[in-house]
All heavy atoms as atom14 arrays in JSON, in Angstrom:
{
  "sequence": "ELVVFGSGATFRFPDPRIGAEFAKLGIGFDVMDTPAACRTYNVLLS",
  "atom14_mask": [
    [1, 1, 1, 1, 1, 1, 1, 1, 1, 0, 0, 0, 0, 0],
    [1, 1, 1, 1, 1, 1, 1, 1, 0, 0, 0, 0, 0, 0],
    [1, 1, 1, 1, 1, 1, 1, 0, 0, 0, 0, 0, 0, 0],
    [1, 1, 1, 1, 1, 1, 1, 0, 0, 0, 0, 0, 0, 0],
    [1, 1, 1, 1, 1, 1, 1, 1, 1, 1, 1, 0, 0, 0],
    [1, 1, 1, 1, 0, 0, 0, 0, 0, 0, 0, 0, 0, 0],
    [1, 1, 1, 1, 1, 1, 0, 0, 0, 0, 0, 0, 0, 0],
    [1, 1, 1, 1, 0, 0, 0, 0, 0, 0, 0, 0, 0, 0],
    [1, 1, 1, 1, 1, 0, 0, 0, 0, 0, 0, 0, 0, 0],
    [1, 1, 1, 1, 1, 1, 1, 0, 0, 0, 0, 0, 0, 0],
    [1, 1, 1, 1, 1, 1, 1, 1, 1, 1, 1, 0, 0, 0],
    [1, 1, 1, 1, 1, 1, 1, 1, 1, 1, 1, 0, 0, 0],
    [1, 1, 1, 1, 1, 1, 1, 1, 1, 1, 1, 0, 0, 0],
    [1, 1, 1, 1, 1, 1, 1, 0, 0, 0, 0, 0, 0, 0],
    [1, 1, 1, 1, 1, 1, 1, 1, 0, 0, 0, 0, 0, 0],
    [1, 1, 1, 1, 1, 1, 1, 0, 0, 0, 0, 0, 0, 0],
    [1, 1, 1, 1, 1, 1, 1, 1, 1, 1, 1, 0, 0, 0],
    [1, 1, 1, 1, 1, 1, 1, 1, 0, 0, 0, 0, 0, 0],
    [1, 1, 1, 1, 0, 0, 0, 0, 0, 0, 0, 0, 0, 0],
    [1, 1, 1, 1, 1, 0, 0, 0, 0, 0, 0, 0, 0, 0],
    [1, 1, 1, 1, 1, 1, 1, 1, 1, 0, 0, 0, 0, 0],
    [1, 1, 1, 1, 1, 1, 1, 1, 1, 1, 1, 0, 0, 0],
    [1, 1, 1, 1, 1, 0, 0, 0, 0, 0, 0, 0, 0, 0],
    [1, 1, 1, 1, 1, 1, 1, 1, 1, 0, 0, 0, 0, 0],
    [1, 1, 1, 1, 1, 1, 1, 1, 0, 0, 0, 0, 0, 0],
    [1, 1, 1, 1, 0, 0, 0, 0, 0, 0, 0, 0, 0, 0],
    [1, 1, 1, 1, 1, 1, 1, 1, 0, 0, 0, 0, 0, 0],
    [1, 1, 1, 1, 0, 0, 0, 0, 0, 0, 0, 0, 0, 0],
    [1, 1, 1, 1, 1, 1, 1, 1, 1, 1, 1, 0, 0, 0],
    [1, 1, 1, 1, 1, 1, 1, 1, 0, 0, 0, 0, 0, 0],
    [1, 1, 1, 1, 1, 1, 1, 0, 0, 0, 0, 0, 0, 0],
    [1, 1, 1, 1, 1, 1, 1, 1, 0, 0, 0, 0, 0, 0],
    [1, 1, 1, 1, 1, 1, 1, 1, 0, 0, 0, 0, 0, 0],
    [1, 1, 1, 1, 1, 1, 1, 0, 0, 0, 0, 0, 0, 0],
    [1, 1, 1, 1, 1, 1, 1, 0, 0, 0, 0, 0, 0, 0],
    [1, 1, 1, 1, 1, 0, 0, 0, 0, 0, 0, 0, 0, 0],
    [1, 1, 1, 1, 1, 0, 0, 0, 0, 0, 0, 0, 0, 0],
    [1, 1, 1, 1, 1, 1, 0, 0, 0, 0, 0, 0, 0, 0],
    [1, 1, 1, 1, 1, 1, 1, 1, 1, 1, 1, 0, 0, 0],
    [1, 1, 1, 1, 1, 1, 1, 0, 0, 0, 0, 0, 0, 0],
    [1, 1, 1, 1, 1, 1, 1, 1, 1, 1, 1, 1, 0, 0],
    [1, 1, 1, 1, 1, 1, 1, 1, 0, 0, 0, 0, 0, 0],
    [1, 1, 1, 1, 1, 1, 1, 0, 0, 0, 0, 0, 0, 0],
    [1, 1, 1, 1, 1, 1, 1, 1, 0, 0, 0, 0, 0, 0],
    [1, 1, 1, 1, 1, 1, 1, 1, 0, 0, 0, 0, 0, 0],
    [1, 1, 1, 1, 1, 1, 0, 0, 0, 0, 0, 0, 0, 0]
  ],
  "atom14_positions": [
    [[4.74, 5.52, -7.19], [4.91, 5.17, -5.77], [3.81, 4.22, -5.33], [4.03, 3.33, -4.5], [4.85, 6.48, -4.96], [4.85, 6.37, -3.49], [4.65, 7.73, -2.82], [4.83, 8.78, -3.47], [4.31, 7.72, -1.63], [0.0, 0.0, 0.0], [0.0, 0.0, 0.0], [0.0, 0.0, 0.0], [0.0, 0.0, 0.0], [0.0, 0.0, 0.0]],
    [[2.62, 4.41, -5.9], [1.44, 3.66, -5.5], [0.5, 3.52, -6.69], [0.34, 4.46, -7.46], [0.72, 4.39, -4.36], [-0.62, 3.88, -3.88], [-0.47, 2.51, -3.23], [-1.24, 4.85, -2.91], [0.0, 0.0, 0.0], [0.0, 0.0, 0.0], [0.0, 0.0, 0.0], [0.0, 0.0, 0.0], [0.0, 0.0, 0.0], [0.0, 0.0, 0.0]],
    [[-0.11, 2.34, -6.85], [-1.13, 2.1, -7.87], [-2.45, 1.86, -7.17], [-2.54, 1.03, -6.26], [-0.78, 0.9, -8.77], [-1.93, 0.52, -9.68], [0.48, 1.19, -9.58], [0.0, 0.0, 0.0], [0.0, 0.0, 0.0], [0.0, 0.0, 0.0], [0.0, 0.0, 0.0], [0.0, 0.0, 0.0], [0.0, 0.0, 0.0], [0.0, 0.0, 0.0]],
    [[-3.47, 2.58, -7.6], [-4.83, 2.38, -7.13], [-5.59, 1.74, -8.29], [-5.77, 2.37, -9.33], [-5.48, 3.71, -6.71], [-6.9, 3.49, -6.24], [-4.66, 4.41, -5.65], [0.0, 0.0, 0.0], [0.0, 0.0, 0.0], [0.0, 0.0, 0.0], [0.0, 0.0, 0.0], [0.0, 0.0, 0.0], [0.0, 0.0, 0.0], [0.0, 0.0, 0.0]],
    [[-5.98, 0.48, -8.13], [-6.69, -0.25, -9.18], [-8.18, -0.19, -8.93], [-8.67, -0.69, -7.92], [-6.21, -1.7, -9.22], [-7.02, -2.61, -10.11], [-7.34, -2.25, -11.41], [-7.46, -3.83, -9.64], [-8.09, -3.09, -12.23], [-8.2, -4.7, -10.44], [-8.52, -4.31, -11.74], [0.0, 0.0, 0.0], [0.0, 0.0, 0.0], [0.0, 0.0, 0.0]],
    [[-8.91, 0.45, -9.85], [-10.36, 0.5, -9.79], [-10.92, -0.62, -10.64], [-10.83, -0.59, -11.86], [0.0, 0.0, 0.0], [0.0, 0.0, 0.0], [0.0, 0.0, 0.0], [0.0, 0.0, 0.0], [0.0, 0.0, 0.0], [0.0, 0.0, 0.0], [0.0, 0.0, 0.0], [0.0, 0.0, 0.0], [0.0, 0.0, 0.0], [0.0, 0.0, 0.0]],
    [[-11.51, -1.62, -10.0], [-11.91, -2.85, -10.68], [-13.31, -2.81, -11.29], [-13.86, -3.85, -11.63], [-11.81, -4.03, -9.71], [-12.7, -3.87, -8.64], [0.0, 0.0, 0.0], [0.0, 0.0, 0.0], [0.0, 0.0, 0.0], [0.0, 0.0, 0.0], [0.0, 0.0, 0.0], [0.0, 0.0, 0.0], [0.0, 0.0, 0.0], [0.0, 0.0, 0.0]],
    [[-13.89, -1.62, -11.43], [-15.23, -1.5, -12.01], [-16.25, -1.18, -10.93], [-15.91, -0.74, -9.84], [0.0, 0.0, 0.0], [0.0, 0.0, 0.0], [0.0, 0.0, 0.0], [0.0, 0.0, 0.0], [0.0, 0.0, 0.0], [0.0, 0.0, 0.0], [0.0, 0.0, 0.0], [0.0, 0.0, 0.0], [0.0, 0.0, 0.0], [0.0, 0.0, 0.0]],
    [[-17.51, -1.41, -11.25], [-18.59, -1.09, -10.31], [-18.57, -2.0, -9.09], [-19.06, -1.63, -8.03], [-19.94, -1.2, -11.02], [0.0, 0.0, 0.0], [0.0, 0.0, 0.0], [0.0, 0.0, 0.0], [0.0, 0.0, 0.0], [0.0, 0.0, 0.0], [0.0, 0.0, 0.0], [0.0, 0.0, 0.0], [0.0, 0.0, 0.0], [0.0, 0.0, 0.0]],
    [[-18.0, -3.19, -9.24], [-17.89, -4.11, -8.12], [-16.42, -4.44, -7.88], [-15.59, -4.33, -8.77], [-18.66, -5.42, -8.39], [-18.14, -6.03, -9.56], [-20.15, -5.15, -8.56], [0.0, 0.0, 0.0], [0.0, 0.0, 0.0], [0.0, 0.0, 0.0], [0.0, 0.0, 0.0], [0.0, 0.0, 0.0], [0.0, 0.0, 0.0], [0.0, 0.0, 0.0]],
    [[-16.14, -4.87, -6.7], [-14.78, -5.21, -6.3], [-14.4, -6.55, -6.91], [-15.11, -7.53, -6.72], [-14.74, -5.26, -4.77], [-13.36, -5.3, -4.21], [-12.7, -4.13, -3.9], [-12.72, -6.5, -3.98], [-11.44, -4.15, -3.36], [-11.45, -6.54, -3.45], [-10.81, -5.36, -3.14], [0.0, 0.0, 0.0], [0.0, 0.0, 0.0], [0.0, 0.0, 0.0]],
    [[-13.3, -6.59, -7.66], [-12.78, -7.85, -8.23], [-11.35, -8.03, -7.76], [-10.5, -7.17, -8.0], [-12.78, -7.79, -9.76], [-14.13, -7.83, -10.38], [-14.04, -7.76, -11.9], [-13.26, -8.85, -12.45], [-12.69, -8.81, -13.66], [-12.8, -7.76, -14.42], [-12.0, -9.85, -14.09], [0.0, 0.0, 0.0], [0.0, 0.0, 0.0], [0.0, 0.0, 0.0]],
    [[-11.06, -9.15, -7.14], [-9.7, -9.43, -6.68], [-8.84, -9.92, -7.84], [-9.2, -10.88, -8.51], [-9.7, -10.51, -5.6], [-10.13, -10.02, -4.26], [-11.42, -10.26, -3.81], [-9.26, -9.3, -3.46], [-11.83, -9.81, -2.57], [-9.66, -8.84, -2.22], [-10.94, -9.1, -1.77], [0.0, 0.0, 0.0], [0.0, 0.0, 0.0], [0.0, 0.0, 0.0]],
    [[-7.69, -9.3, -8.06], [-6.75, -9.85, -9.04], [-5.95, -10.99, -8.41], [-5.97, -11.18, -7.19], [-5.85, -8.66, -9.37], [-5.91, -7.8, -8.16], [-7.27, -8.02, -7.54], [0.0, 0.0, 0.0], [0.0, 0.0, 0.0], [0.0, 0.0, 0.0], [0.0, 0.0, 0.0], [0.0, 0.0, 0.0], [0.0, 0.0, 0.0], [0.0, 0.0, 0.0]],
    [[-5.23, -11.7, -9.23], [-4.34, -12.75, -8.76], [-3.37, -12.16, -7.73], [-2.77, -11.1, -7.98], [-3.57, -13.3, -9.97], [-2.7, -14.49, -9.64], [-1.98, -14.45, -8.62], [-2.72, -15.44, -10.42], [0.0, 0.0, 0.0], [0.0, 0.0, 0.0], [0.0, 0.0, 0.0], [0.0, 0.0, 0.0], [0.0, 0.0, 0.0], [0.0, 0.0, 0.0]],
    [[-3.18, -12.79, -6.58], [-2.28, -12.25, -5.54], [-0.84, -12.04, -6.03], [-0.11, -11.22, -5.48], [-2.31, -13.3, -4.44], [-3.54, -14.09, -4.67], [-3.83, -14.02, -6.14], [0.0, 0.0, 0.0], [0.0, 0.0, 0.0], [0.0, 0.0, 0.0], [0.0, 0.0, 0.0], [0.0, 0.0, 0.0], [0.0, 0.0, 0.0], [0.0, 0.0, 0.0]],
    [[-0.44, -12.75, -7.06], [0.93, -12.58, -7.59], [1.13, -11.18, -8.17], [2.26, -10.7, -8.25], [1.23, -13.65, -8.64], [1.31, -15.05, -8.01], [1.51, -16.1, -9.05], [0.23, -16.27, -9.76], [-0.07, -17.27, -10.54], [0.82, -18.21, -10.77], [-1.24, -17.35, -11.12], [0.0, 0.0, 0.0], [0.0, 0.0, 0.0], [0.0, 0.0, 0.0]],
    [[0.04, -10.52, -8.56], [0.16, -9.16, -9.1], [0.66, -8.22, -8.01], [1.62, -7.48, -8.22], [-1.19, -8.69, -9.69], [-1.54, -9.56, -10.92], [-1.14, -7.22, -10.06], [-2.94, -9.36, -11.44], [0.0, 0.0, 0.0], [0.0, 0.0, 0.0], [0.0, 0.0, 0.0], [0.0, 0.0, 0.0], [0.0, 0.0, 0.0], [0.0, 0.0, 0.0]],
    [[0.03, -8.25, -6.87], [0.48, -7.41, -5.76], [1.9, -7.73, -5.35], [2.68, -6.83, -4.99], [0.0, 0.0, 0.0], [0.0, 0.0, 0.0], [0.0, 0.0, 0.0], [0.0, 0.0, 0.0], [0.0, 0.0, 0.0], [0.0, 0.0, 0.0], [0.0, 0.0, 0.0], [0.0, 0.0, 0.0], [0.0, 0.0, 0.0], [0.0, 0.0, 0.0]],
    [[2.27, -9.0, -5.42], [3.63, -9.4, -5.06], [4.66, -8.79, -6.02], [5.75, -8.39, -5.59], [3.75, -10.92, -5.05], [0.0, 0.0, 0.0], [0.0, 0.0, 0.0], [0.0, 0.0, 0.0], [0.0, 0.0, 0.0], [0.0, 0.0, 0.0], [0.0, 0.0, 0.0], [0.0, 0.0, 0.0], [0.0, 0.0, 0.0], [0.0, 0.0, 0.0]],
    [[4.33, -8.72, -7.3], [5.25, -8.12, -8.28], [5.45, -6.63, -8.0], [6.56, -6.12, -8.09], [4.74, -8.32, -9.7], [4.92, -9.71, -10.22], [6.38, -10.16, -10.26], [7.25, -9.39, -10.75], [6.65, -11.28, -9.8], [0.0, 0.0, 0.0], [0.0, 0.0, 0.0], [0.0, 0.0, 0.0], [0.0, 0.0, 0.0], [0.0, 0.0, 0.0]],
    [[4.37, -5.93, -7.65], [4.5, -4.52, -7.3], [5.35, -4.38, -6.03], [6.2, -3.5, -5.96], [3.12, -3.89, -7.1], [2.44, -3.54, -8.39], [1.51, -4.39, -8.95], [2.73, -2.36, -9.06], [0.87, -4.08, -10.14], [2.11, -2.04, -10.26], [1.17, -2.89, -10.8], [0.0, 0.0, 0.0], [0.0, 0.0, 0.0], [0.0, 0.0, 0.0]],
    [[5.11, -5.24, -5.05], [5.86, -5.17, -3.79], [7.36, -5.38, -4.03], [8.18, -4.72, -3.38], [5.33, -6.2, -2.81], [0.0, 0.0, 0.0], [0.0, 0.0, 0.0], [0.0, 0.0, 0.0], [0.0, 0.0, 0.0], [0.0, 0.0, 0.0], [0.0, 0.0, 0.0], [0.0, 0.0, 0.0], [0.0, 0.0, 0.0], [0.0, 0.0, 0.0]],
    [[7.72, -6.27, -4.95], [9.14, -6.5, -5.26], [9.83, -5.22, -5.69], [11.03, -5.04, -5.47], [9.29, -7.54, -6.37], [9.07, -8.95, -5.94], [9.28, -9.87, -7.14], [8.81, -11.27, -6.87], [8.93, -12.12, -8.08], [0.0, 0.0, 0.0], [0.0, 0.0, 0.0], [0.0, 0.0, 0.0], [0.0, 0.0, 0.0], [0.0, 0.0, 0.0]],
    [[9.08, -4.34, -6.35], [9.64, -3.08, -6.85], [9.4, -1.91, -5.89], [9.72, -0.77, -6.19], [9.03, -2.73, -8.21], [9.34, -3.72, -9.33], [8.56, -3.37, -10.59], [10.84, -3.74, -9.62], [0.0, 0.0, 0.0], [0.0, 0.0, 0.0], [0.0, 0.0, 0.0], [0.0, 0.0, 0.0], [0.0, 0.0, 0.0], [0.0, 0.0, 0.0]],
    [[8.81, -2.21, -4.73], [8.55, -1.16, -3.76], [7.39, -0.25, -4.13], [7.32, 0.89, -3.68], [0.0, 0.0, 0.0], [0.0, 0.0, 0.0], [0.0, 0.0, 0.0], [0.0, 0.0, 0.0], [0.0, 0.0, 0.0], [0.0, 0.0, 0.0], [0.0, 0.0, 0.0], [0.0, 0.0, 0.0], [0.0, 0.0, 0.0], [0.0, 0.0, 0.0]],
    [[6.48, -0.76, -4.96], [5.32, 0.01, -5.4], [4.1, -0.49, -4.65], [3.8, -1.68, -4.67], [5.09, -0.15, -6.93], [6.31, 0.34, -7.72], [3.82, 0.58, -7.37], [6.26, 0.0, -9.21], [0.0, 0.0, 0.0], [0.0, 0.0, 0.0], [0.0, 0.0, 0.0], [0.0, 0.0, 0.0], [0.0, 0.0, 0.0], [0.0, 0.0, 0.0]],
    [[3.39, 0.42, -3.99], [2.16, 0.05, -3.31], [1.09, -0.32, -4.32], [1.04, 0.23, -5.42], [0.0, 0.0, 0.0], [0.0, 0.0, 0.0], [0.0, 0.0, 0.0], [0.0, 0.0, 0.0], [0.0, 0.0, 0.0], [0.0, 0.0, 0.0], [0.0, 0.0, 0.0], [0.0, 0.0, 0.0], [0.0, 0.0, 0.0], [0.0, 0.0, 0.0]],
    [[0.21, -1.25, -3.97], [-0.85, -1.7, -4.87], [-2.11, -1.89, -4.06], [-2.15, -2.7, -3.13], [-0.43, -3.02, -5.54], [-1.43, -3.54, -6.54], [-1.56, -2.93, -7.78], [-2.22, -4.62, -6.24], [-2.48, -3.41, -8.7], [-3.14, -5.12, -7.15], [-3.27, -4.51, -8.4], [0.0, 0.0, 0.0], [0.0, 0.0, 0.0], [0.0, 0.0, 0.0]],
    [[-3.14, -1.1, -4.39], [-4.39, -1.16, -3.65], [-5.52, -1.43, -4.62], [-5.55, -0.87, -5.72], [-4.63, 0.17, -2.94], [-5.29, 0.0, -1.6], [-5.84, -1.07, -1.32], [-5.28, 0.97, -0.83], [0.0, 0.0, 0.0], [0.0, 0.0, 0.0], [0.0, 0.0, 0.0], [0.0, 0.0, 0.0], [0.0, 0.0, 0.0], [0.0, 0.0, 0.0]],
    [[-6.46, -2.28, -4.24], [-7.58, -2.67, -5.09], [-8.88, -2.19, -4.44], [-9.08, -2.38, -3.24], [-7.64, -4.21, -5.27], [-8.8, -4.6, -6.16], [-6.32, -4.74, -5.8], [0.0, 0.0, 0.0], [0.0, 0.0, 0.0], [0.0, 0.0, 0.0], [0.0, 0.0, 0.0], [0.0, 0.0, 0.0], [0.0, 0.0, 0.0], [0.0, 0.0, 0.0]],
    [[-9.73, -1.57, -5.25], [-11.03, -1.11, -4.78], [-11.96, -0.96, -5.97], [-11.51, -1.11, -7.11], [-10.9, 0.21, -4.0], [-10.16, 1.31, -4.73], [-9.63, 2.68, -3.67], [-8.28, 1.97, -2.77], [0.0, 0.0, 0.0], [0.0, 0.0, 0.0], [0.0, 0.0, 0.0], [0.0, 0.0, 0.0], [0.0, 0.0, 0.0], [0.0, 0.0, 0.0]],
    [[-13.23, -0.69, -5.73], [-14.1, -0.44, -6.87], [-13.72, 0.91, -7.49], [-13.01, 1.71, -6.88], [-15.59, -0.51, -6.48], [-16.02, 0.53, -5.47], [-15.52, 1.67, -5.48], [-16.91, 0.21, -4.66], [0.0, 0.0, 0.0], [0.0, 0.0, 0.0], [0.0, 0.0, 0.0], [0.0, 0.0, 0.0], [0.0, 0.0, 0.0], [0.0, 0.0, 0.0]],
    [[-14.15, 1.14, -8.72], [-13.71, 2.34, -9.44], [-14.13, 3.64, -8.76], [-13.32, 4.57, -8.69], [-14.16, 2.27, -10.91], [-13.47, 1.15, -11.52], [-13.81, 3.53, -11.67], [0.0, 0.0, 0.0], [0.0, 0.0, 0.0], [0.0, 0.0, 0.0], [0.0, 0.0, 0.0], [0.0, 0.0, 0.0], [0.0, 0.0, 0.0], [0.0, 0.0, 0.0]],
    [[-15.37, 3.77, -8.25], [-15.7, 5.02, -7.56], [-14.74, 5.34, -6.41], [-14.27, 6.47, -6.27], [-17.13, 4.8, -7.07], [-17.71, 3.84, -8.07], [-16.56, 2.91, -8.39], [0.0, 0.0, 0.0], [0.0, 0.0, 0.0], [0.0, 0.0, 0.0], [0.0, 0.0, 0.0], [0.0, 0.0, 0.0], [0.0, 0.0, 0.0], [0.0, 0.0, 0.0]],
    [[-14.42, 4.34, -5.6], [-13.49, 4.55, -4.48], [-12.09, 4.86, -5.0], [-11.38, 5.7, -4.43], [-13.46, 3.32, -3.58], [0.0, 0.0, 0.0], [0.0, 0.0, 0.0], [0.0, 0.0, 0.0], [0.0, 0.0, 0.0], [0.0, 0.0, 0.0], [0.0, 0.0, 0.0], [0.0, 0.0, 0.0], [0.0, 0.0, 0.0], [0.0, 0.0, 0.0]],
    [[-11.67, 4.21, -6.08], [-10.35, 4.46, -6.66], [-10.23, 5.9, -7.16], [-9.19, 6.54, -7.0], [-10.06, 3.47, -7.78], [0.0, 0.0, 0.0], [0.0, 0.0, 0.0], [0.0, 0.0, 0.0], [0.0, 0.0, 0.0], [0.0, 0.0, 0.0], [0.0, 0.0, 0.0], [0.0, 0.0, 0.0], [0.0, 0.0, 0.0], [0.0, 0.0, 0.0]],
    [[-11.3, 6.41, -7.76], [-11.29, 7.81, -8.24], [-11.1, 8.77, -7.07], [-10.27, 9.69, -7.15], [-12.59, 8.12, -8.97], [-12.79, 7.29, -10.56], [0.0, 0.0, 0.0], [0.0, 0.0, 0.0], [0.0, 0.0, 0.0], [0.0, 0.0, 0.0], [0.0, 0.0, 0.0], [0.0, 0.0, 0.0], [0.0, 0.0, 0.0], [0.0, 0.0, 0.0]],
    [[-11.83, 8.58, -6.01], [-11.71, 9.45, -4.83], [-10.32, 9.34, -4.21], [-9.69, 10.34, -3.87], [-12.79, 9.11, -3.8], [-14.2, 9.41, -4.26], [-15.22, 9.21, -3.15], [-15.24, 7.86, -2.6], [-15.98, 6.86, -3.07], [-16.76, 7.04, -4.12], [-15.94, 5.67, -2.49], [0.0, 0.0, 0.0], [0.0, 0.0, 0.0], [0.0, 0.0, 0.0]],
    [[-9.84, 8.11, -4.07], [-8.53, 7.88, -3.44], [-7.41, 8.5, -4.26], [-6.49, 9.13, -3.72], [-8.3, 6.37, -3.25], [-9.36, 5.85, -2.44], [-6.96, 6.09, -2.6], [0.0, 0.0, 0.0], [0.0, 0.0, 0.0], [0.0, 0.0, 0.0], [0.0, 0.0, 0.0], [0.0, 0.0, 0.0], [0.0, 0.0, 0.0], [0.0, 0.0, 0.0]],
    [[-7.47, 8.33, -5.59], [-6.46, 8.94, -6.46], [-6.4, 10.45, -6.23], [-5.32, 11.02, -6.07], [-6.8, 8.64, -7.93], [-6.03, 9.5, -8.9], [-4.73, 9.17, -9.27], [-6.6, 10.66, -9.44], [-4.02, 9.98, -10.15], [-5.89, 11.46, -10.31], [-4.6, 11.12, -10.66], [-3.9, 11.93, -11.53], [0.0, 0.0, 0.0], [0.0, 0.0, 0.0]],
    [[-7.57, 11.12, -6.2], [-7.59, 12.57, -6.02], [-6.96, 12.99, -4.7], [-6.21, 13.96, -4.63], [-9.01, 13.11, -6.12], [-9.49, 13.24, -7.54], [-8.72, 13.19, -8.5], [-10.79, 13.44, -7.7], [0.0, 0.0, 0.0], [0.0, 0.0, 0.0], [0.0, 0.0, 0.0], [0.0, 0.0, 0.0], [0.0, 0.0, 0.0], [0.0, 0.0, 0.0]],
    [[-7.27, 12.26, -3.63], [-6.7, 12.59, -2.32], [-5.19, 12.43, -2.35], [-4.44, 13.31, -1.91], [-7.33, 11.72, -1.21], [-6.57, 11.87, 0.1], [-8.8, 12.08, -1.03], [0.0, 0.0, 0.0], [0.0, 0.0, 0.0], [0.0, 0.0, 0.0], [0.0, 0.0, 0.0], [0.0, 0.0, 0.0], [0.0, 0.0, 0.0], [0.0, 0.0, 0.0]],
    [[-4.71, 11.31, -2.88], [-3.26, 11.07, -2.94], [-2.56, 12.08, -3.83], [-1.46, 12.56, -3.51], [-2.98, 9.64, -3.4], [-3.43, 8.55, -2.42], [-3.36, 7.18, -3.07], [-2.6, 8.6, -1.15], [0.0, 0.0, 0.0], [0.0, 0.0, 0.0], [0.0, 0.0, 0.0], [0.0, 0.0, 0.0], [0.0, 0.0, 0.0], [0.0, 0.0, 0.0]],
    [[-3.19, 12.43, -4.95], [-2.63, 13.45, -5.84], [-2.52, 14.79, -5.11], [-1.49, 15.46, -5.21], [-3.51, 13.59, -7.08], [-3.05, 14.6, -8.13], [-1.8, 14.1, -8.84], [-4.17, 14.85, -9.14], [0.0, 0.0, 0.0], [0.0, 0.0, 0.0], [0.0, 0.0, 0.0], [0.0, 0.0, 0.0], [0.0, 0.0, 0.0], [0.0, 0.0, 0.0]],
    [[-3.55, 15.16, -4.37], [-3.53, 16.44, -3.66], [-2.46, 16.46, -2.57], [-2.01, 17.54, -2.16], [-4.9, 16.75, -3.05], [-5.17, 15.93, -1.94], [0.0, 0.0, 0.0], [0.0, 0.0, 0.0], [0.0, 0.0, 0.0], [0.0, 0.0, 0.0], [0.0, 0.0, 0.0], [0.0, 0.0, 0.0], [0.0, 0.0, 0.0], [0.0, 0.0, 0.0]]
  ]
}
């Protein structure tokens, strides 16, 4: 339903076309540093 991309210790933007491909399939795509992605994944899982 949703992908949380943890880009490492620092925030790295992927090519905008990546998010567009997820959007075409109705999949949410969020980019953040890995520590934030770990926390966000746990909240969404719960």
